[in-house]
Each structure stands twice: as structure tokens, then as C-alpha cells.
Amino acid sequence: MMFRNRICQRLHDEHAATVTSMERLESLIARHRGAPPTGADADSMLLRGIADNVELEVSPHFDFEEQHLFTYLEDMGDAAIGAHLASEHESMRPLGRRLAELARSAAQSGFDDASWSEFRRIGAELSERMLTHVQKEEMALLPLLDEAMDPATETRLFEAYTENS
């Protein structure tokens, strides 16, 4: 999908990267009933990639939406969508932080049975929530912003987003 608004296009591209990361997470979980063997380079790289996506991409994405886009919509008189999406962000943040911690630790020293069980549980929950959330933003938020945002606001907000990412 292509958006005329650079912010929407950037967020769309980030959504695609997040979907890919969640699909890789789901694949890792599905491949291993028990804890994956320690030292598997491919799994270690995957775990670091998942942690990076959550910490370096998802968190700033959420922050930008809440601080700039949802307030923009609220100023236009449409606070409901931002409030709903922000509440989803809040429910996913602790899951993402914990998943990233587990992934980084396991990339270094592997999983034990307890950490693998926790990783599987949190990973499955985060993936399900994240994929549903991305779909909502793709179907509702981005088209709304693409249509409503004036060029001056788009330029100002795009510059703010690219300065912080």
C-alpha cells in the first residue's frame, strides 16, 4: 500500500517490519516444543532481531503516535481512535519489554525450561496483540491521517519523527 503522507508511509513500512518480526517470533516458537539448543547462531540472531524490533522500532513508534498523532486527532475532535490504540499500546509495552529481556538473555546464554516457557507464553500473546493492532492502524488510523492531515502539519510531524528515529 502506498500513502501520499510521508508519516503514514513510514508507519506503514514500520508495520511491515513488525509483522515480519512477529511472524519470525511465531515461527521460532512453533519450531521448538522445548527450549532451543544453546548456541544456535540462527536462533541467537533471530532473538537479537526480535529484541531490537521491540526496543528500537516499536517503542518509538508507539511514543510518536501517542505524543503527536493521537493528540492531532483529538484536536480535530476524534479522540476515540487514539484513546483505543493508546490503551492497546499500554497493554503491549510490558509484554514487549519482558520479551526483549528474555530474548537478549537467551541470545547470550540460551533458555532454560522456565525462561523458554515464559518466552513462549509472552511471545504468543504479544504477537497476537501486535498483529491485531497493526491491522487496526492500517485499516483505520493511517487512511484517516492520510486523508485529513494538511501538508504543513505533515512536514512538521515528519521532521519531528525522523529527528527522533
N, C-alpha and C. Protein backbone atom coordinates (compact mmCIF):
# COMPACT_ATOMS: atom_id res chain seq x y z
N MET A 1 0.84 -1.17 0.00
CA MET A 1 0.00 0.00 0.00
C MET A 1 0.89 1.24 0.00
N MET A 2 0.46 2.23 -0.70
CA MET A 2 1.21 3.49 -0.76
C MET A 2 0.34 4.62 -0.23
N PHE A 3 0.96 5.46 0.59
CA PHE A 3 0.28 6.62 1.15
C PHE A 3 0.96 7.87 0.59
N ARG A 4 0.20 8.93 0.41
CA ARG A 4 0.79 10.19 -0.05
C ARG A 4 1.49 10.91 1.10
N ASN A 5 0.99 10.72 2.30
CA ASN A 5 1.54 11.32 3.50
C ASN A 5 2.78 10.52 3.93
N ARG A 6 3.91 11.20 4.06
CA ARG A 6 5.16 10.51 4.40
C ARG A 6 5.12 9.84 5.78
N ILE A 7 4.42 10.44 6.71
CA ILE A 7 4.29 9.83 8.04
C ILE A 7 3.56 8.50 7.92
N CYS A 8 2.45 8.52 7.21
CA CYS A 8 1.67 7.29 7.04
C CYS A 8 2.49 6.22 6.34
N GLN A 9 3.24 6.61 5.31
CA GLN A 9 4.06 5.64 4.60
C GLN A 9 5.14 5.07 5.50
N ARG A 10 5.76 5.92 6.28
CA ARG A 10 6.81 5.46 7.21
C ARG A 10 6.23 4.50 8.25
N LEU A 11 5.09 4.85 8.82
CA LEU A 11 4.46 3.98 9.80
C LEU A 11 4.03 2.66 9.15
N HIS A 12 3.53 2.74 7.94
CA HIS A 12 3.16 1.53 7.19
C HIS A 12 4.39 0.63 7.01
N ASP A 13 5.51 1.21 6.62
CA ASP A 13 6.74 0.43 6.44
C ASP A 13 7.19 -0.20 7.77
N GLU A 14 7.06 0.55 8.86
CA GLU A 14 7.40 0.01 10.17
C GLU A 14 6.45 -1.12 10.57
N HIS A 15 5.18 -0.96 10.21
CA HIS A 15 4.22 -2.04 10.48
C HIS A 15 4.65 -3.31 9.75
N ALA A 16 5.08 -3.17 8.51
CA ALA A 16 5.52 -4.34 7.75
C ALA A 16 6.70 -5.02 8.44
N ALA A 17 7.64 -4.23 8.95
CA ALA A 17 8.80 -4.80 9.65
C ALA A 17 8.35 -5.49 10.94
N THR A 18 7.39 -4.92 11.64
CA THR A 18 6.89 -5.53 12.87
C THR A 18 6.16 -6.83 12.58
N VAL A 19 5.36 -6.84 11.52
CA VAL A 19 4.67 -8.08 11.14
C VAL A 19 5.70 -9.17 10.83
N THR A 20 6.74 -8.83 10.10
CA THR A 20 7.79 -9.80 9.79
C THR A 20 8.44 -10.31 11.08
N SER A 21 8.73 -9.41 12.01
CA SER A 21 9.34 -9.81 13.27
C SER A 21 8.41 -10.73 14.07
N MET A 22 7.12 -10.41 14.11
CA MET A 22 6.17 -11.25 14.84
C MET A 22 6.01 -12.63 14.16
N GLU A 23 6.06 -12.66 12.85
CA GLU A 23 5.99 -13.94 12.14
C GLU A 23 7.23 -14.78 12.44
N ARG A 24 8.37 -14.15 12.53
CA ARG A 24 9.60 -14.88 12.89
C ARG A 24 9.53 -15.39 14.32
N LEU A 25 8.98 -14.58 15.19
CA LEU A 25 8.78 -14.99 16.58
C LEU A 25 7.86 -16.22 16.63
N GLU A 26 6.75 -16.15 15.94
CA GLU A 26 5.81 -17.28 15.92
C GLU A 26 6.47 -18.53 15.34
N SER A 27 7.28 -18.35 14.33
CA SER A 27 7.98 -19.49 13.72
C SER A 27 8.97 -20.12 14.70
N LEU A 28 9.71 -19.30 15.42
CA LEU A 28 10.65 -19.81 16.42
C LEU A 28 9.90 -20.61 17.48
N ILE A 29 8.81 -20.07 17.96
CA ILE A 29 8.02 -20.76 18.98
C ILE A 29 7.48 -22.08 18.44
N ALA A 30 7.01 -22.08 17.21
CA ALA A 30 6.43 -23.30 16.62
C ALA A 30 7.48 -24.38 16.36
N ARG A 31 8.72 -23.97 16.08
CA ARG A 31 9.78 -24.93 15.76
C ARG A 31 10.28 -25.71 16.97
N HIS A 32 10.08 -25.17 18.16
CA HIS A 32 10.66 -25.77 19.36
C HIS A 32 9.61 -26.00 20.43
N ARG A 33 9.37 -27.27 20.74
CA ARG A 33 8.46 -27.56 21.86
C ARG A 33 9.17 -27.26 23.18
N GLY A 34 10.40 -27.70 23.28
CA GLY A 34 11.22 -27.43 24.45
C GLY A 34 12.19 -26.30 24.12
N ALA A 35 12.97 -25.92 25.09
CA ALA A 35 13.93 -24.84 24.89
C ALA A 35 14.86 -25.16 23.73
N PRO A 36 15.07 -24.18 22.83
CA PRO A 36 16.00 -24.40 21.72
C PRO A 36 17.41 -24.65 22.25
N PRO A 37 18.22 -25.37 21.49
CA PRO A 37 19.58 -25.62 21.95
C PRO A 37 20.38 -24.32 22.06
N THR A 38 21.20 -24.24 23.07
CA THR A 38 22.06 -23.08 23.26
C THR A 38 23.12 -23.06 22.17
N GLY A 39 23.41 -21.85 21.70
CA GLY A 39 24.48 -21.68 20.73
C GLY A 39 24.05 -21.78 19.28
N ALA A 40 22.77 -21.92 19.01
CA ALA A 40 22.29 -21.95 17.63
C ALA A 40 22.37 -20.52 17.09
N ASP A 41 23.34 -20.28 16.20
CA ASP A 41 23.59 -18.93 15.71
C ASP A 41 22.36 -18.29 15.08
N ALA A 42 21.63 -19.06 14.28
CA ALA A 42 20.45 -18.51 13.62
C ALA A 42 19.41 -18.07 14.64
N ASP A 43 19.19 -18.89 15.67
CA ASP A 43 18.23 -18.53 16.71
C ASP A 43 18.72 -17.33 17.51
N SER A 44 20.02 -17.27 17.80
CA SER A 44 20.57 -16.12 18.54
C SER A 44 20.39 -14.83 17.76
N MET A 45 20.64 -14.88 16.46
CA MET A 45 20.44 -13.69 15.62
C MET A 45 18.96 -13.30 15.59
N LEU A 46 18.10 -14.29 15.48
CA LEU A 46 16.66 -14.03 15.48
C LEU A 46 16.22 -13.40 16.79
N LEU A 47 16.71 -13.91 17.90
CA LEU A 47 16.35 -13.36 19.21
C LEU A 47 16.81 -11.92 19.35
N ARG A 48 18.03 -11.63 18.90
CA ARG A 48 18.51 -10.24 18.95
C ARG A 48 17.66 -9.35 18.05
N GLY A 49 17.27 -9.86 16.89
CA GLY A 49 16.43 -9.09 15.97
C GLY A 49 15.06 -8.78 16.55
N ILE A 50 14.48 -9.75 17.23
CA ILE A 50 13.18 -9.54 17.88
C ILE A 50 13.32 -8.49 18.98
N ALA A 51 14.36 -8.60 19.80
CA ALA A 51 14.58 -7.62 20.87
C ALA A 51 14.80 -6.22 20.29
N ASP A 52 15.60 -6.13 19.24
CA ASP A 52 15.84 -4.83 18.59
C ASP A 52 14.55 -4.24 18.05
N ASN A 53 13.74 -5.07 17.40
CA ASN A 53 12.48 -4.56 16.84
C ASN A 53 11.60 -3.97 17.93
N VAL A 54 11.48 -4.68 19.03
CA VAL A 54 10.63 -4.20 20.12
C VAL A 54 11.20 -2.93 20.74
N GLU A 55 12.49 -2.91 21.02
CA GLU A 55 13.09 -1.79 21.74
C GLU A 55 13.35 -0.58 20.85
N LEU A 56 13.82 -0.81 19.63
CA LEU A 56 14.29 0.30 18.81
C LEU A 56 13.28 0.78 17.78
N GLU A 57 12.28 -0.04 17.48
CA GLU A 57 11.30 0.36 16.48
C GLU A 57 9.91 0.53 17.07
N VAL A 58 9.43 -0.48 17.76
CA VAL A 58 8.05 -0.44 18.26
C VAL A 58 7.87 0.64 19.32
N SER A 59 8.75 0.71 20.27
CA SER A 59 8.59 1.69 21.35
C SER A 59 8.59 3.13 20.84
N PRO A 60 9.56 3.55 20.01
CA PRO A 60 9.49 4.92 19.48
C PRO A 60 8.26 5.16 18.60
N HIS A 61 7.84 4.14 17.88
CA HIS A 61 6.64 4.22 17.04
C HIS A 61 5.42 4.52 17.91
N PHE A 62 5.25 3.75 18.99
CA PHE A 62 4.14 3.98 19.91
C PHE A 62 4.22 5.39 20.49
N ASP A 63 5.40 5.79 20.96
CA ASP A 63 5.57 7.10 21.58
C ASP A 63 5.18 8.22 20.61
N PHE A 64 5.64 8.13 19.37
CA PHE A 64 5.33 9.16 18.39
C PHE A 64 3.82 9.23 18.14
N GLU A 65 3.21 8.09 17.98
CA GLU A 65 1.76 8.10 17.74
C GLU A 65 1.03 8.77 18.90
N GLU A 66 1.38 8.41 20.11
CA GLU A 66 0.69 8.95 21.28
C GLU A 66 0.95 10.44 21.46
N GLN A 67 2.20 10.86 21.29
CA GLN A 67 2.55 12.25 21.55
C GLN A 67 2.14 13.20 20.44
N HIS A 68 2.07 12.69 19.21
CA HIS A 68 1.80 13.59 18.08
C HIS A 68 0.53 13.27 17.31
N LEU A 69 0.36 12.02 16.93
CA LEU A 69 -0.76 11.69 16.04
C LEU A 69 -2.08 11.61 16.79
N PHE A 70 -2.09 10.99 17.95
CA PHE A 70 -3.35 10.88 18.68
C PHE A 70 -3.79 12.25 19.20
N THR A 71 -2.84 13.08 19.59
CA THR A 71 -3.21 14.44 20.02
C THR A 71 -3.69 15.26 18.82
N TYR A 72 -3.11 15.05 17.66
CA TYR A 72 -3.57 15.71 16.43
C TYR A 72 -5.03 15.34 16.17
N LEU A 73 -5.34 14.05 16.25
CA LEU A 73 -6.72 13.61 16.03
C LEU A 73 -7.66 14.15 17.10
N GLU A 74 -7.19 14.20 18.33
CA GLU A 74 -8.00 14.74 19.42
C GLU A 74 -8.32 16.21 19.15
N ASP A 75 -7.33 16.97 18.69
CA ASP A 75 -7.55 18.38 18.36
C ASP A 75 -8.56 18.54 17.23
N MET A 76 -8.65 17.52 16.36
CA MET A 76 -9.63 17.55 15.26
C MET A 76 -11.01 17.10 15.74
N GLY A 77 -11.10 16.66 16.98
CA GLY A 77 -12.37 16.20 17.52
C GLY A 77 -12.58 14.70 17.44
N ASP A 78 -11.52 13.95 17.14
CA ASP A 78 -11.64 12.49 17.04
C ASP A 78 -10.66 11.84 18.02
N ALA A 79 -11.05 11.83 19.28
CA ALA A 79 -10.18 11.28 20.33
C ALA A 79 -10.34 9.79 20.52
N ALA A 80 -11.45 9.22 20.07
CA ALA A 80 -11.76 7.82 20.37
C ALA A 80 -10.73 6.85 19.81
N ILE A 81 -10.35 7.02 18.57
CA ILE A 81 -9.41 6.06 17.96
C ILE A 81 -8.06 6.12 18.66
N GLY A 82 -7.60 7.33 18.96
CA GLY A 82 -6.32 7.46 19.66
C GLY A 82 -6.36 6.86 21.05
N ALA A 83 -7.45 7.07 21.76
CA ALA A 83 -7.58 6.51 23.10
C ALA A 83 -7.58 4.98 23.05
N HIS A 84 -8.29 4.43 22.08
CA HIS A 84 -8.33 2.97 21.95
C HIS A 84 -6.95 2.41 21.62
N LEU A 85 -6.28 2.99 20.64
CA LEU A 85 -4.96 2.49 20.24
C LEU A 85 -3.93 2.69 21.35
N ALA A 86 -4.02 3.81 22.06
CA ALA A 86 -3.09 4.06 23.18
C ALA A 86 -3.28 3.02 24.28
N SER A 87 -4.52 2.62 24.54
CA SER A 87 -4.75 1.60 25.57
C SER A 87 -4.15 0.27 25.13
N GLU A 88 -4.18 -0.03 23.83
CA GLU A 88 -3.52 -1.23 23.34
C GLU A 88 -2.01 -1.13 23.49
N HIS A 89 -1.46 0.05 23.22
CA HIS A 89 -0.02 0.25 23.42
C HIS A 89 0.35 -0.07 24.87
N GLU A 90 -0.43 0.45 25.81
CA GLU A 90 -0.13 0.26 27.22
C GLU A 90 -0.16 -1.22 27.61
N SER A 91 -1.05 -1.98 27.00
CA SER A 91 -1.11 -3.40 27.34
C SER A 91 0.05 -4.18 26.70
N MET A 92 0.59 -3.67 25.59
CA MET A 92 1.68 -4.37 24.91
C MET A 92 3.06 -3.98 25.42
N ARG A 93 3.22 -2.79 25.95
CA ARG A 93 4.54 -2.33 26.40
C ARG A 93 5.21 -3.29 27.38
N PRO A 94 4.55 -3.67 28.47
CA PRO A 94 5.24 -4.57 29.42
C PRO A 94 5.55 -5.93 28.80
N LEU A 95 4.68 -6.41 27.93
CA LEU A 95 4.96 -7.68 27.24
C LEU A 95 6.20 -7.54 26.37
N GLY A 96 6.28 -6.44 25.63
CA GLY A 96 7.43 -6.20 24.76
C GLY A 96 8.73 -6.07 25.53
N ARG A 97 8.68 -5.33 26.65
CA ARG A 97 9.89 -5.18 27.47
C ARG A 97 10.37 -6.52 27.99
N ARG A 98 9.44 -7.31 28.50
CA ARG A 98 9.84 -8.61 29.06
C ARG A 98 10.33 -9.55 27.97
N LEU A 99 9.65 -9.55 26.83
CA LEU A 99 10.08 -10.41 25.73
C LEU A 99 11.48 -10.03 25.27
N ALA A 100 11.75 -8.73 25.16
CA ALA A 100 13.08 -8.27 24.75
C ALA A 100 14.13 -8.70 25.76
N GLU A 101 13.83 -8.59 27.07
CA GLU A 101 14.77 -9.03 28.11
C GLU A 101 15.08 -10.52 27.97
N LEU A 102 14.03 -11.31 27.82
CA LEU A 102 14.21 -12.76 27.68
C LEU A 102 14.99 -13.10 26.41
N ALA A 103 14.68 -12.42 25.33
CA ALA A 103 15.35 -12.68 24.05
C ALA A 103 16.83 -12.33 24.13
N ARG A 104 17.16 -11.18 24.70
CA ARG A 104 18.57 -10.78 24.82
C ARG A 104 19.35 -11.76 25.71
N SER A 105 18.76 -12.13 26.82
CA SER A 105 19.42 -13.08 27.71
C SER A 105 19.63 -14.42 27.02
N ALA A 106 18.62 -14.90 26.34
CA ALA A 106 18.73 -16.19 25.65
C ALA A 106 19.70 -16.15 24.49
N ALA A 107 19.80 -15.01 23.82
CA ALA A 107 20.76 -14.89 22.72
C ALA A 107 22.18 -15.06 23.25
N GLN A 108 22.41 -14.66 24.50
CA GLN A 108 23.73 -14.78 25.12
C GLN A 108 23.97 -16.17 25.71
N SER A 109 22.98 -16.66 26.47
CA SER A 109 23.24 -17.88 27.25
C SER A 109 22.19 -18.98 27.09
N GLY A 110 21.25 -18.79 26.19
CA GLY A 110 20.25 -19.82 25.95
C GLY A 110 19.08 -19.74 26.93
N PHE A 111 18.12 -20.61 26.69
CA PHE A 111 16.94 -20.71 27.55
C PHE A 111 17.07 -21.90 28.48
N ASP A 112 16.49 -21.78 29.67
CA ASP A 112 16.21 -22.97 30.47
C ASP A 112 14.71 -23.24 30.29
N ASP A 113 14.21 -24.29 30.90
CA ASP A 113 12.80 -24.65 30.69
C ASP A 113 11.86 -23.53 31.13
N ALA A 114 12.15 -22.90 32.25
CA ALA A 114 11.27 -21.85 32.77
C ALA A 114 11.29 -20.61 31.87
N SER A 115 12.48 -20.18 31.45
CA SER A 115 12.55 -18.98 30.62
C SER A 115 11.95 -19.23 29.24
N TRP A 116 12.13 -20.46 28.72
CA TRP A 116 11.53 -20.79 27.43
C TRP A 116 10.01 -20.79 27.53
N SER A 117 9.48 -21.34 28.60
CA SER A 117 8.04 -21.36 28.81
C SER A 117 7.48 -19.93 28.88
N GLU A 118 8.16 -19.08 29.62
CA GLU A 118 7.73 -17.68 29.73
C GLU A 118 7.85 -16.98 28.38
N PHE A 119 8.95 -17.20 27.68
CA PHE A 119 9.15 -16.59 26.36
C PHE A 119 8.04 -17.01 25.40
N ARG A 120 7.72 -18.29 25.39
CA ARG A 120 6.65 -18.79 24.50
C ARG A 120 5.31 -18.14 24.83
N ARG A 121 5.00 -18.08 26.12
CA ARG A 121 3.71 -17.50 26.53
C ARG A 121 3.62 -16.02 26.18
N ILE A 122 4.65 -15.27 26.55
CA ILE A 122 4.64 -13.83 26.29
C ILE A 122 4.73 -13.57 24.79
N GLY A 123 5.57 -14.32 24.10
CA GLY A 123 5.72 -14.14 22.66
C GLY A 123 4.42 -14.37 21.92
N ALA A 124 3.70 -15.42 22.28
CA ALA A 124 2.43 -15.71 21.62
C ALA A 124 1.41 -14.61 21.89
N GLU A 125 1.36 -14.15 23.13
CA GLU A 125 0.41 -13.08 23.47
C GLU A 125 0.76 -11.78 22.77
N LEU A 126 2.04 -11.40 22.81
CA LEU A 126 2.45 -10.16 22.16
C LEU A 126 2.20 -10.23 20.66
N SER A 127 2.55 -11.33 20.04
CA SER A 127 2.35 -11.46 18.61
C SER A 127 0.88 -11.31 18.23
N GLU A 128 0.02 -11.99 18.95
CA GLU A 128 -1.41 -11.90 18.66
C GLU A 128 -1.92 -10.46 18.81
N ARG A 129 -1.55 -9.83 19.91
CA ARG A 129 -1.99 -8.44 20.14
C ARG A 129 -1.41 -7.49 19.10
N MET A 130 -0.12 -7.67 18.79
CA MET A 130 0.55 -6.77 17.87
C MET A 130 -0.02 -6.88 16.46
N LEU A 131 -0.25 -8.09 16.00
CA LEU A 131 -0.77 -8.27 14.65
C LEU A 131 -2.18 -7.69 14.51
N THR A 132 -3.00 -7.86 15.53
CA THR A 132 -4.34 -7.27 15.52
C THR A 132 -4.25 -5.75 15.55
N HIS A 133 -3.35 -5.23 16.37
CA HIS A 133 -3.16 -3.79 16.49
C HIS A 133 -2.69 -3.17 15.17
N VAL A 134 -1.71 -3.79 14.54
CA VAL A 134 -1.21 -3.29 13.25
C VAL A 134 -2.35 -3.25 12.23
N GLN A 135 -3.15 -4.28 12.22
CA GLN A 135 -4.27 -4.34 11.27
C GLN A 135 -5.23 -3.17 11.50
N LYS A 136 -5.52 -2.85 12.75
CA LYS A 136 -6.40 -1.72 13.07
C LYS A 136 -5.79 -0.41 12.57
N GLU A 137 -4.50 -0.25 12.82
CA GLU A 137 -3.87 1.00 12.39
C GLU A 137 -3.83 1.11 10.87
N GLU A 138 -3.58 0.00 10.21
CA GLU A 138 -3.54 0.00 8.74
C GLU A 138 -4.91 0.29 8.13
N MET A 139 -5.95 -0.21 8.77
CA MET A 139 -7.29 -0.06 8.20
C MET A 139 -8.01 1.21 8.64
N ALA A 140 -7.65 1.76 9.79
CA ALA A 140 -8.37 2.92 10.30
C ALA A 140 -7.49 4.16 10.47
N LEU A 141 -6.43 4.03 11.25
CA LEU A 141 -5.62 5.20 11.59
C LEU A 141 -4.91 5.81 10.38
N LEU A 142 -4.15 5.00 9.66
CA LEU A 142 -3.36 5.55 8.57
C LEU A 142 -4.21 6.16 7.45
N PRO A 143 -5.28 5.50 7.01
CA PRO A 143 -6.12 6.15 5.99
C PRO A 143 -6.73 7.46 6.48
N LEU A 144 -7.14 7.50 7.75
CA LEU A 144 -7.70 8.73 8.31
C LEU A 144 -6.67 9.85 8.29
N LEU A 145 -5.47 9.57 8.76
CA LEU A 145 -4.41 10.59 8.77
C LEU A 145 -4.01 10.99 7.36
N ASP A 146 -3.93 10.04 6.47
CA ASP A 146 -3.53 10.31 5.08
C ASP A 146 -4.52 11.28 4.42
N GLU A 147 -5.77 11.12 4.75
CA GLU A 147 -6.82 11.96 4.17
C GLU A 147 -6.91 13.32 4.86
N ALA A 148 -6.77 13.34 6.18
CA ALA A 148 -7.08 14.55 6.95
C ALA A 148 -5.91 15.51 7.13
N MET A 149 -4.69 15.01 7.13
CA MET A 149 -3.56 15.86 7.53
C MET A 149 -3.15 16.82 6.42
N ASP A 150 -3.05 18.09 6.79
CA ASP A 150 -2.62 19.11 5.83
C ASP A 150 -1.11 19.02 5.62
N PRO A 151 -0.62 19.52 4.47
CA PRO A 151 0.81 19.38 4.15
C PRO A 151 1.76 20.03 5.17
N ALA A 152 1.39 21.16 5.74
CA ALA A 152 2.28 21.82 6.71
C ALA A 152 2.43 20.98 7.97
N THR A 153 1.33 20.43 8.45
CA THR A 153 1.38 19.57 9.63
C THR A 153 2.17 18.31 9.33
N GLU A 154 1.92 17.73 8.16
CA GLU A 154 2.64 16.52 7.76
C GLU A 154 4.15 16.77 7.73
N THR A 155 4.58 17.88 7.18
CA THR A 155 6.00 18.22 7.12
C THR A 155 6.58 18.38 8.51
N ARG A 156 5.88 19.12 9.36
CA ARG A 156 6.36 19.36 10.73
C ARG A 156 6.47 18.05 11.52
N LEU A 157 5.46 17.23 11.44
CA LEU A 157 5.46 15.98 12.20
C LEU A 157 6.44 14.96 11.61
N PHE A 158 6.58 14.94 10.30
CA PHE A 158 7.54 14.02 9.69
C PHE A 158 8.96 14.39 10.13
N GLU A 159 9.27 15.67 10.15
CA GLU A 159 10.59 16.10 10.60
C GLU A 159 10.81 15.73 12.07
N ALA A 160 9.79 15.91 12.89
CA ALA A 160 9.90 15.54 14.31
C ALA A 160 10.15 14.04 14.45
N TYR A 161 9.48 13.26 13.65
CA TYR A 161 9.63 11.80 13.76
C TYR A 161 11.00 11.35 13.27
N THR A 162 11.45 11.87 12.17
CA THR A 162 12.74 11.44 11.63
C THR A 162 13.91 11.94 12.48
N GLU A 163 13.74 13.05 13.17
CA GLU A 163 14.81 13.54 14.07
C GLU A 163 15.01 12.59 15.25
N ASN A 164 13.93 11.95 15.69
CA ASN A 164 13.99 11.11 16.87
C ASN A 164 14.13 9.63 16.55
N SER A 165 14.28 9.27 15.29
CA SER A 165 14.39 7.84 14.98
C SER A 165 15.65 7.53 14.22
